[in-house]
Amino acid sequence: MAAFPDARITERIPHRPPFLWLDRVLEVSADSLIAEKEIDPDLELFRGHYPDYPLMPGVLLCEAVFQAGALLIGEMERAGDDNDRQPQGMPVLTRILGARFKREVRPGDTVTIRVALKERVGGAWFMKGSVRVRGKVAVQVEFACAVRNRN
């Protein structure tokens, strides 16, 4: 599939600015997704997260992967349907199985977020993902999600 417009992200997942950590989706396949995020140097968080040496917090890089996972779940749930069908529920994080932080992400960087489905067991979606900066792995994380009713 080709990349889709930014607006489709907000149609598929419940996250909104200032807590939306995906700018655009570059690629979607049957069981994986690749997205990008430009790290705005003017983000308020840089005033307090090492002001003399601003770094993107690792937990927010993980959040970008989790949001990409939620988006992938939304896409997979719609596979074979028309793309305008409303989702049956909302993906929520249920488990973080492990995270590794390998490189710093700094203000002004553009990161590439990759997520892939490892296994689906009943209502649980087990996934793995990574964030790359300048072509090198910055973060790797494995996690699980479940789809909850929107009520």
N, C-alpha and C. Protein backbone atom coordinates (compact mmCIF):
# COMPACT_ATOMS: atom_id res chain seq x y z
N MET A 1 0.84 -1.18 0.00
CA MET A 1 0.00 0.00 0.00
C MET A 1 0.88 1.24 0.00
N ALA A 2 0.34 2.30 -0.52
CA ALA A 2 1.07 3.56 -0.53
C ALA A 2 0.86 4.30 0.79
N ALA A 3 1.70 5.32 1.02
CA ALA A 3 1.53 6.15 2.21
C ALA A 3 0.19 6.87 2.14
N PHE A 4 -0.40 7.14 3.29
CA PHE A 4 -1.68 7.84 3.28
C PHE A 4 -1.56 9.18 3.98
N PRO A 5 -2.53 10.05 3.72
CA PRO A 5 -2.45 11.41 4.26
C PRO A 5 -2.48 11.44 5.78
N ASP A 6 -1.91 12.49 6.34
CA ASP A 6 -1.83 12.66 7.79
C ASP A 6 -3.20 12.54 8.45
N ALA A 7 -4.24 13.08 7.83
CA ALA A 7 -5.58 13.07 8.43
C ALA A 7 -6.05 11.65 8.72
N ARG A 8 -5.61 10.69 7.94
CA ARG A 8 -6.04 9.31 8.17
C ARG A 8 -5.52 8.77 9.50
N ILE A 9 -4.40 9.27 9.98
CA ILE A 9 -3.88 8.84 11.28
C ILE A 9 -4.92 9.15 12.35
N THR A 10 -5.43 10.37 12.36
CA THR A 10 -6.39 10.76 13.39
C THR A 10 -7.76 10.11 13.17
N GLU A 11 -8.00 9.59 12.00
CA GLU A 11 -9.23 8.83 11.77
C GLU A 11 -9.11 7.42 12.34
N ARG A 12 -7.89 6.93 12.52
CA ARG A 12 -7.66 5.55 12.92
C ARG A 12 -7.32 5.36 14.40
N ILE A 13 -6.70 6.37 15.02
CA ILE A 13 -6.33 6.23 16.42
C ILE A 13 -6.87 7.43 17.21
N PRO A 14 -7.04 7.27 18.53
CA PRO A 14 -7.64 8.34 19.33
C PRO A 14 -6.67 9.45 19.73
N HIS A 15 -5.40 9.32 19.49
CA HIS A 15 -4.41 10.31 19.93
C HIS A 15 -4.54 11.61 19.14
N ARG A 16 -4.27 12.71 19.83
CA ARG A 16 -4.35 14.04 19.22
C ARG A 16 -3.18 14.88 19.74
N PRO A 17 -2.81 15.91 18.95
CA PRO A 17 -1.80 16.84 19.46
C PRO A 17 -2.29 17.44 20.78
N PRO A 18 -1.43 17.66 21.72
CA PRO A 18 0.04 17.59 21.60
C PRO A 18 0.61 16.21 21.91
N PHE A 19 -0.23 15.18 21.98
CA PHE A 19 0.28 13.84 22.31
C PHE A 19 0.19 12.88 21.13
N LEU A 20 0.24 13.39 19.94
CA LEU A 20 0.29 12.56 18.73
C LEU A 20 1.74 12.53 18.26
N TRP A 21 2.34 11.33 18.23
CA TRP A 21 3.76 11.20 17.91
C TRP A 21 4.00 10.56 16.55
N LEU A 22 3.05 10.69 15.63
CA LEU A 22 3.19 10.25 14.24
C LEU A 22 2.81 11.42 13.34
N ASP A 23 3.66 11.73 12.37
CA ASP A 23 3.33 12.79 11.41
C ASP A 23 2.75 12.22 10.12
N ARG A 24 3.35 11.14 9.67
CA ARG A 24 2.91 10.56 8.39
C ARG A 24 3.26 9.08 8.35
N VAL A 25 2.47 8.35 7.59
CA VAL A 25 2.72 6.93 7.40
C VAL A 25 3.34 6.76 6.02
N LEU A 26 4.45 6.05 5.98
CA LEU A 26 5.16 5.83 4.72
C LEU A 26 4.76 4.54 4.04
N GLU A 27 4.45 3.52 4.84
CA GLU A 27 4.18 2.21 4.25
C GLU A 27 3.34 1.36 5.20
N VAL A 28 2.40 0.63 4.63
CA VAL A 28 1.60 -0.33 5.40
C VAL A 28 1.58 -1.63 4.61
N SER A 29 1.86 -2.74 5.29
CA SER A 29 1.74 -4.06 4.66
C SER A 29 0.75 -4.87 5.48
N ALA A 30 0.62 -6.14 5.20
CA ALA A 30 -0.35 -6.99 5.89
C ALA A 30 -0.09 -7.06 7.39
N ASP A 31 1.18 -6.97 7.82
CA ASP A 31 1.47 -7.11 9.24
C ASP A 31 2.52 -6.13 9.77
N SER A 32 2.73 -5.02 9.05
CA SER A 32 3.71 -4.04 9.52
C SER A 32 3.36 -2.64 9.02
N LEU A 33 4.00 -1.67 9.65
CA LEU A 33 3.75 -0.27 9.30
C LEU A 33 5.02 0.53 9.55
N ILE A 34 5.28 1.51 8.69
CA ILE A 34 6.41 2.42 8.85
C ILE A 34 5.87 3.83 8.81
N ALA A 35 6.26 4.64 9.81
CA ALA A 35 5.81 6.02 9.92
C ALA A 35 7.00 6.92 10.21
N GLU A 36 6.76 8.22 10.18
CA GLU A 36 7.80 9.20 10.50
C GLU A 36 7.26 10.24 11.47
N LYS A 37 8.19 10.83 12.21
CA LYS A 37 7.89 11.94 13.09
C LYS A 37 9.07 12.90 13.06
N GLU A 38 8.77 14.18 12.82
CA GLU A 38 9.78 15.22 12.90
C GLU A 38 9.75 15.76 14.32
N ILE A 39 10.88 15.77 14.98
CA ILE A 39 10.97 16.21 16.36
C ILE A 39 11.18 17.73 16.38
N ASP A 40 10.11 18.43 16.67
CA ASP A 40 10.10 19.89 16.66
C ASP A 40 11.04 20.43 17.74
N PRO A 41 12.03 21.24 17.35
CA PRO A 41 12.96 21.78 18.34
C PRO A 41 12.29 22.70 19.36
N ASP A 42 11.09 23.17 19.06
CA ASP A 42 10.40 24.10 19.95
C ASP A 42 9.45 23.41 20.92
N LEU A 43 9.49 22.07 20.98
CA LEU A 43 8.63 21.38 21.94
C LEU A 43 8.92 21.86 23.35
N GLU A 44 7.86 22.14 24.09
CA GLU A 44 7.98 22.63 25.46
C GLU A 44 8.81 21.69 26.34
N LEU A 45 8.72 20.39 26.09
CA LEU A 45 9.41 19.42 26.93
C LEU A 45 10.92 19.59 26.94
N PHE A 46 11.48 20.17 25.89
CA PHE A 46 12.93 20.35 25.84
C PHE A 46 13.43 21.41 26.84
N ARG A 47 12.51 22.25 27.31
CA ARG A 47 12.89 23.24 28.32
C ARG A 47 13.26 22.56 29.63
N GLY A 48 12.70 21.36 29.88
CA GLY A 48 12.94 20.70 31.15
C GLY A 48 13.66 19.38 31.07
N HIS A 49 13.73 18.79 29.87
CA HIS A 49 14.41 17.50 29.74
C HIS A 49 15.83 17.77 29.26
N TYR A 50 16.69 17.99 30.21
CA TYR A 50 18.09 18.35 29.99
C TYR A 50 18.21 19.65 29.19
N PRO A 51 17.86 20.78 29.81
CA PRO A 51 17.85 22.06 29.08
C PRO A 51 19.17 22.41 28.41
N ASP A 52 20.29 22.00 29.00
CA ASP A 52 21.58 22.32 28.39
C ASP A 52 22.02 21.30 27.34
N TYR A 53 21.29 20.20 27.25
CA TYR A 53 21.58 19.15 26.27
C TYR A 53 20.25 18.43 25.99
N PRO A 54 19.34 19.10 25.26
CA PRO A 54 17.99 18.56 25.10
C PRO A 54 17.95 17.21 24.37
N LEU A 55 17.20 16.29 24.98
CA LEU A 55 17.01 14.94 24.42
C LEU A 55 15.53 14.63 24.37
N MET A 56 15.12 13.91 23.35
CA MET A 56 13.76 13.40 23.29
C MET A 56 13.65 12.28 24.31
N PRO A 57 12.68 12.35 25.24
CA PRO A 57 12.55 11.29 26.24
C PRO A 57 12.27 9.93 25.61
N GLY A 58 12.98 8.92 26.09
CA GLY A 58 12.81 7.57 25.56
C GLY A 58 11.39 7.07 25.68
N VAL A 59 10.71 7.44 26.76
CA VAL A 59 9.34 6.99 26.94
C VAL A 59 8.43 7.53 25.83
N LEU A 60 8.72 8.73 25.32
CA LEU A 60 7.91 9.28 24.23
C LEU A 60 8.26 8.62 22.90
N LEU A 61 9.49 8.19 22.75
CA LEU A 61 9.84 7.42 21.55
C LEU A 61 9.11 6.09 21.56
N CYS A 62 9.04 5.46 22.75
CA CYS A 62 8.25 4.22 22.87
C CYS A 62 6.79 4.51 22.55
N GLU A 63 6.28 5.62 23.03
CA GLU A 63 4.89 5.99 22.76
C GLU A 63 4.63 6.10 21.26
N ALA A 64 5.60 6.63 20.51
CA ALA A 64 5.44 6.71 19.05
C ALA A 64 5.28 5.31 18.46
N VAL A 65 6.05 4.35 18.96
CA VAL A 65 5.93 2.97 18.50
C VAL A 65 4.55 2.41 18.87
N PHE A 66 4.10 2.69 20.11
CA PHE A 66 2.80 2.19 20.54
C PHE A 66 1.68 2.77 19.68
N GLN A 67 1.78 4.05 19.34
CA GLN A 67 0.77 4.67 18.48
C GLN A 67 0.80 4.05 17.08
N ALA A 68 2.00 3.77 16.58
CA ALA A 68 2.09 3.10 15.28
C ALA A 68 1.46 1.71 15.37
N GLY A 69 1.64 1.03 16.49
CA GLY A 69 0.99 -0.27 16.70
C GLY A 69 -0.52 -0.16 16.70
N ALA A 70 -1.05 0.86 17.37
CA ALA A 70 -2.50 1.08 17.37
C ALA A 70 -3.00 1.35 15.96
N LEU A 71 -2.24 2.11 15.20
CA LEU A 71 -2.61 2.40 13.83
C LEU A 71 -2.58 1.12 12.98
N LEU A 72 -1.57 0.28 13.18
CA LEU A 72 -1.49 -0.99 12.45
C LEU A 72 -2.69 -1.87 12.79
N ILE A 73 -3.05 -1.94 14.07
CA ILE A 73 -4.23 -2.73 14.46
C ILE A 73 -5.46 -2.20 13.75
N GLY A 74 -5.62 -0.90 13.72
CA GLY A 74 -6.76 -0.30 13.01
C GLY A 74 -6.77 -0.67 11.54
N GLU A 75 -5.62 -0.65 10.92
CA GLU A 75 -5.53 -1.02 9.50
C GLU A 75 -5.84 -2.51 9.31
N MET A 76 -5.32 -3.35 10.19
CA MET A 76 -5.53 -4.79 10.05
C MET A 76 -7.00 -5.15 10.29
N GLU A 77 -7.65 -4.44 11.21
CA GLU A 77 -9.06 -4.71 11.45
C GLU A 77 -9.93 -4.34 10.25
N ARG A 78 -9.44 -3.42 9.45
CA ARG A 78 -10.20 -2.97 8.28
C ARG A 78 -9.84 -3.74 7.01
N ALA A 79 -8.83 -4.59 7.08
CA ALA A 79 -8.39 -5.33 5.89
C ALA A 79 -9.57 -6.05 5.27
N GLY A 80 -9.74 -5.85 4.01
CA GLY A 80 -10.84 -6.51 3.29
C GLY A 80 -12.15 -5.74 3.34
N ASP A 81 -12.23 -4.74 4.22
CA ASP A 81 -13.43 -3.91 4.29
C ASP A 81 -13.18 -2.64 3.50
N ASP A 82 -14.25 -1.85 3.35
CA ASP A 82 -13.99 -0.53 2.79
C ASP A 82 -13.34 0.30 3.89
N ASN A 83 -12.45 1.17 3.52
CA ASN A 83 -11.64 1.89 4.49
C ASN A 83 -12.42 2.92 5.29
N ASP A 84 -13.70 3.09 5.03
CA ASP A 84 -14.49 4.07 5.77
C ASP A 84 -15.22 3.45 6.96
N ARG A 85 -15.12 2.13 7.14
CA ARG A 85 -15.81 1.48 8.24
C ARG A 85 -15.26 1.98 9.57
N GLN A 86 -16.14 2.23 10.53
CA GLN A 86 -15.74 2.69 11.86
C GLN A 86 -15.12 1.54 12.64
N PRO A 87 -14.09 1.82 13.44
CA PRO A 87 -13.45 0.76 14.23
C PRO A 87 -14.40 0.22 15.28
N GLN A 88 -14.20 -1.03 15.65
CA GLN A 88 -15.03 -1.69 16.66
C GLN A 88 -14.59 -1.35 18.07
N GLY A 89 -13.39 -0.89 18.25
CA GLY A 89 -12.88 -0.57 19.57
C GLY A 89 -11.65 0.30 19.49
N MET A 90 -11.03 0.49 20.64
CA MET A 90 -9.86 1.35 20.73
C MET A 90 -8.68 0.52 21.24
N PRO A 91 -7.56 0.50 20.50
CA PRO A 91 -6.38 -0.23 20.97
C PRO A 91 -5.78 0.44 22.20
N VAL A 92 -5.50 -0.36 23.23
CA VAL A 92 -4.83 0.16 24.42
C VAL A 92 -3.63 -0.72 24.75
N LEU A 93 -2.60 -0.10 25.27
CA LEU A 93 -1.39 -0.79 25.67
C LEU A 93 -1.68 -1.64 26.90
N THR A 94 -1.30 -2.91 26.87
CA THR A 94 -1.52 -3.79 28.02
C THR A 94 -0.23 -4.30 28.63
N ARG A 95 0.86 -4.24 27.88
CA ARG A 95 2.11 -4.78 28.41
C ARG A 95 3.29 -4.24 27.62
N ILE A 96 4.35 -3.92 28.34
CA ILE A 96 5.63 -3.60 27.71
C ILE A 96 6.56 -4.75 28.08
N LEU A 97 7.01 -5.47 27.08
CA LEU A 97 7.80 -6.67 27.32
C LEU A 97 9.29 -6.38 27.41
N GLY A 98 9.69 -5.24 26.96
CA GLY A 98 11.11 -4.89 27.03
C GLY A 98 11.39 -3.73 26.11
N ALA A 99 12.31 -2.86 26.53
CA ALA A 99 12.72 -1.73 25.71
C ALA A 99 14.22 -1.55 25.84
N ARG A 100 14.85 -1.21 24.73
CA ARG A 100 16.28 -0.94 24.72
C ARG A 100 16.52 0.41 24.05
N PHE A 101 17.33 1.21 24.69
CA PHE A 101 17.63 2.55 24.19
C PHE A 101 19.08 2.57 23.73
N LYS A 102 19.28 2.85 22.44
CA LYS A 102 20.62 2.71 21.86
C LYS A 102 21.23 4.02 21.39
N ARG A 103 20.39 4.98 20.99
CA ARG A 103 20.90 6.25 20.47
C ARG A 103 20.02 7.39 20.93
N GLU A 104 20.62 8.55 21.02
CA GLU A 104 19.87 9.75 21.38
C GLU A 104 19.09 10.28 20.19
N VAL A 105 17.94 10.85 20.50
CA VAL A 105 17.16 11.60 19.51
C VAL A 105 17.12 13.03 20.02
N ARG A 106 17.51 13.96 19.15
CA ARG A 106 17.67 15.36 19.53
C ARG A 106 16.65 16.23 18.81
N PRO A 107 16.44 17.43 19.32
CA PRO A 107 15.54 18.37 18.64
C PRO A 107 15.96 18.56 17.19
N GLY A 108 14.98 18.56 16.31
CA GLY A 108 15.24 18.73 14.88
C GLY A 108 15.43 17.43 14.12
N ASP A 109 15.61 16.31 14.82
CA ASP A 109 15.75 15.01 14.15
C ASP A 109 14.42 14.57 13.55
N THR A 110 14.49 13.78 12.50
CA THR A 110 13.32 13.07 11.97
C THR A 110 13.55 11.60 12.26
N VAL A 111 12.56 10.98 12.88
CA VAL A 111 12.68 9.56 13.23
C VAL A 111 11.75 8.73 12.36
N THR A 112 12.18 7.51 12.11
CA THR A 112 11.38 6.53 11.39
C THR A 112 10.93 5.49 12.40
N ILE A 113 9.63 5.27 12.44
CA ILE A 113 9.03 4.34 13.40
C ILE A 113 8.55 3.12 12.64
N ARG A 114 8.98 1.95 13.08
CA ARG A 114 8.57 0.69 12.46
C ARG A 114 7.88 -0.16 13.51
N VAL A 115 6.79 -0.82 13.11
CA VAL A 115 6.10 -1.73 14.01
C VAL A 115 5.64 -2.93 13.20
N ALA A 116 5.67 -4.10 13.84
CA ALA A 116 5.24 -5.33 13.17
C ALA A 116 4.51 -6.22 14.16
N LEU A 117 3.52 -6.92 13.66
CA LEU A 117 2.79 -7.89 14.46
C LEU A 117 3.64 -9.15 14.58
N LYS A 118 3.86 -9.60 15.82
CA LYS A 118 4.56 -10.87 16.05
C LYS A 118 3.56 -12.01 16.12
N GLU A 119 2.46 -11.77 16.87
CA GLU A 119 1.49 -12.83 17.10
C GLU A 119 0.19 -12.20 17.60
N ARG A 120 -0.91 -12.83 17.23
CA ARG A 120 -2.21 -12.44 17.77
C ARG A 120 -2.79 -13.66 18.48
N VAL A 121 -3.11 -13.48 19.77
CA VAL A 121 -3.69 -14.56 20.56
C VAL A 121 -4.99 -14.03 21.14
N GLY A 122 -6.10 -14.54 20.62
CA GLY A 122 -7.39 -14.03 21.06
C GLY A 122 -7.47 -12.54 20.84
N GLY A 123 -7.73 -11.80 21.91
CA GLY A 123 -7.83 -10.34 21.80
C GLY A 123 -6.53 -9.62 22.03
N ALA A 124 -5.43 -10.35 22.19
CA ALA A 124 -4.12 -9.73 22.44
C ALA A 124 -3.30 -9.67 21.15
N TRP A 125 -2.70 -8.53 20.93
CA TRP A 125 -1.83 -8.29 19.78
C TRP A 125 -0.42 -8.10 20.31
N PHE A 126 0.49 -9.02 20.02
CA PHE A 126 1.88 -8.92 20.45
C PHE A 126 2.68 -8.34 19.30
N MET A 127 3.41 -7.25 19.59
CA MET A 127 4.09 -6.50 18.55
C MET A 127 5.53 -6.19 18.94
N LYS A 128 6.31 -5.84 17.93
CA LYS A 128 7.66 -5.33 18.16
C LYS A 128 7.82 -4.10 17.30
N GLY A 129 8.65 -3.19 17.78
CA GLY A 129 8.83 -1.96 17.02
C GLY A 129 10.18 -1.34 17.29
N SER A 130 10.49 -0.35 16.47
CA SER A 130 11.75 0.37 16.64
C SER A 130 11.59 1.80 16.16
N VAL A 131 12.51 2.61 16.66
CA VAL A 131 12.65 3.99 16.20
C VAL A 131 14.06 4.12 15.68
N ARG A 132 14.18 4.67 14.49
CA ARG A 132 15.51 4.89 13.90
C ARG A 132 15.72 6.38 13.70
N VAL A 133 16.96 6.79 13.92
CA VAL A 133 17.35 8.17 13.69
C VAL A 133 18.62 8.13 12.84
N ARG A 134 18.63 8.91 11.78
CA ARG A 134 19.76 8.91 10.84
C ARG A 134 20.11 7.50 10.39
N GLY A 135 19.09 6.66 10.22
CA GLY A 135 19.27 5.30 9.70
C GLY A 135 19.70 4.27 10.73
N LYS A 136 19.90 4.68 11.98
CA LYS A 136 20.37 3.75 13.00
C LYS A 136 19.33 3.59 14.11
N VAL A 137 19.29 2.42 14.70
CA VAL A 137 18.30 2.13 15.74
C VAL A 137 18.57 3.00 16.97
N ALA A 138 17.52 3.71 17.41
CA ALA A 138 17.57 4.49 18.64
C ALA A 138 16.87 3.74 19.77
N VAL A 139 15.74 3.09 19.44
CA VAL A 139 14.93 2.39 20.44
C VAL A 139 14.38 1.11 19.82
N GLN A 140 14.35 0.05 20.61
CA GLN A 140 13.64 -1.18 20.24
C GLN A 140 12.72 -1.52 21.40
N VAL A 141 11.50 -1.95 21.09
CA VAL A 141 10.56 -2.27 22.15
C VAL A 141 9.60 -3.36 21.69
N GLU A 142 9.26 -4.25 22.60
CA GLU A 142 8.22 -5.26 22.36
C GLU A 142 7.09 -4.95 23.32
N PHE A 143 5.85 -5.14 22.86
CA PHE A 143 4.69 -4.76 23.65
C PHE A 143 3.46 -5.52 23.22
N ALA A 144 2.40 -5.38 23.99
CA ALA A 144 1.12 -6.01 23.66
C ALA A 144 0.02 -4.97 23.79
N CYS A 145 -1.02 -5.16 22.98
CA CYS A 145 -2.20 -4.30 23.00
C CYS A 145 -3.45 -5.17 22.99
N ALA A 146 -4.53 -4.58 23.43
CA ALA A 146 -5.85 -5.19 23.33
C ALA A 146 -6.80 -4.13 22.82
N VAL A 147 -7.86 -4.56 22.16
CA VAL A 147 -8.86 -3.62 21.67
C VAL A 147 -10.00 -3.58 22.67
N ARG A 148 -10.26 -2.39 23.21
CA ARG A 148 -11.30 -2.20 24.21
C ARG A 148 -12.50 -1.51 23.56
N ASN A 149 -13.69 -1.81 24.05
CA ASN A 149 -14.88 -1.14 23.57
C ASN A 149 -14.78 0.35 23.85
N ARG A 150 -15.38 1.14 23.00
CA ARG A 150 -15.31 2.59 23.13
C ARG A 150 -16.35 3.14 24.11
N ASN A 151 -17.04 2.32 24.82
CA ASN A 151 -18.08 2.79 25.75
C ASN A 151 -17.50 3.31 27.03
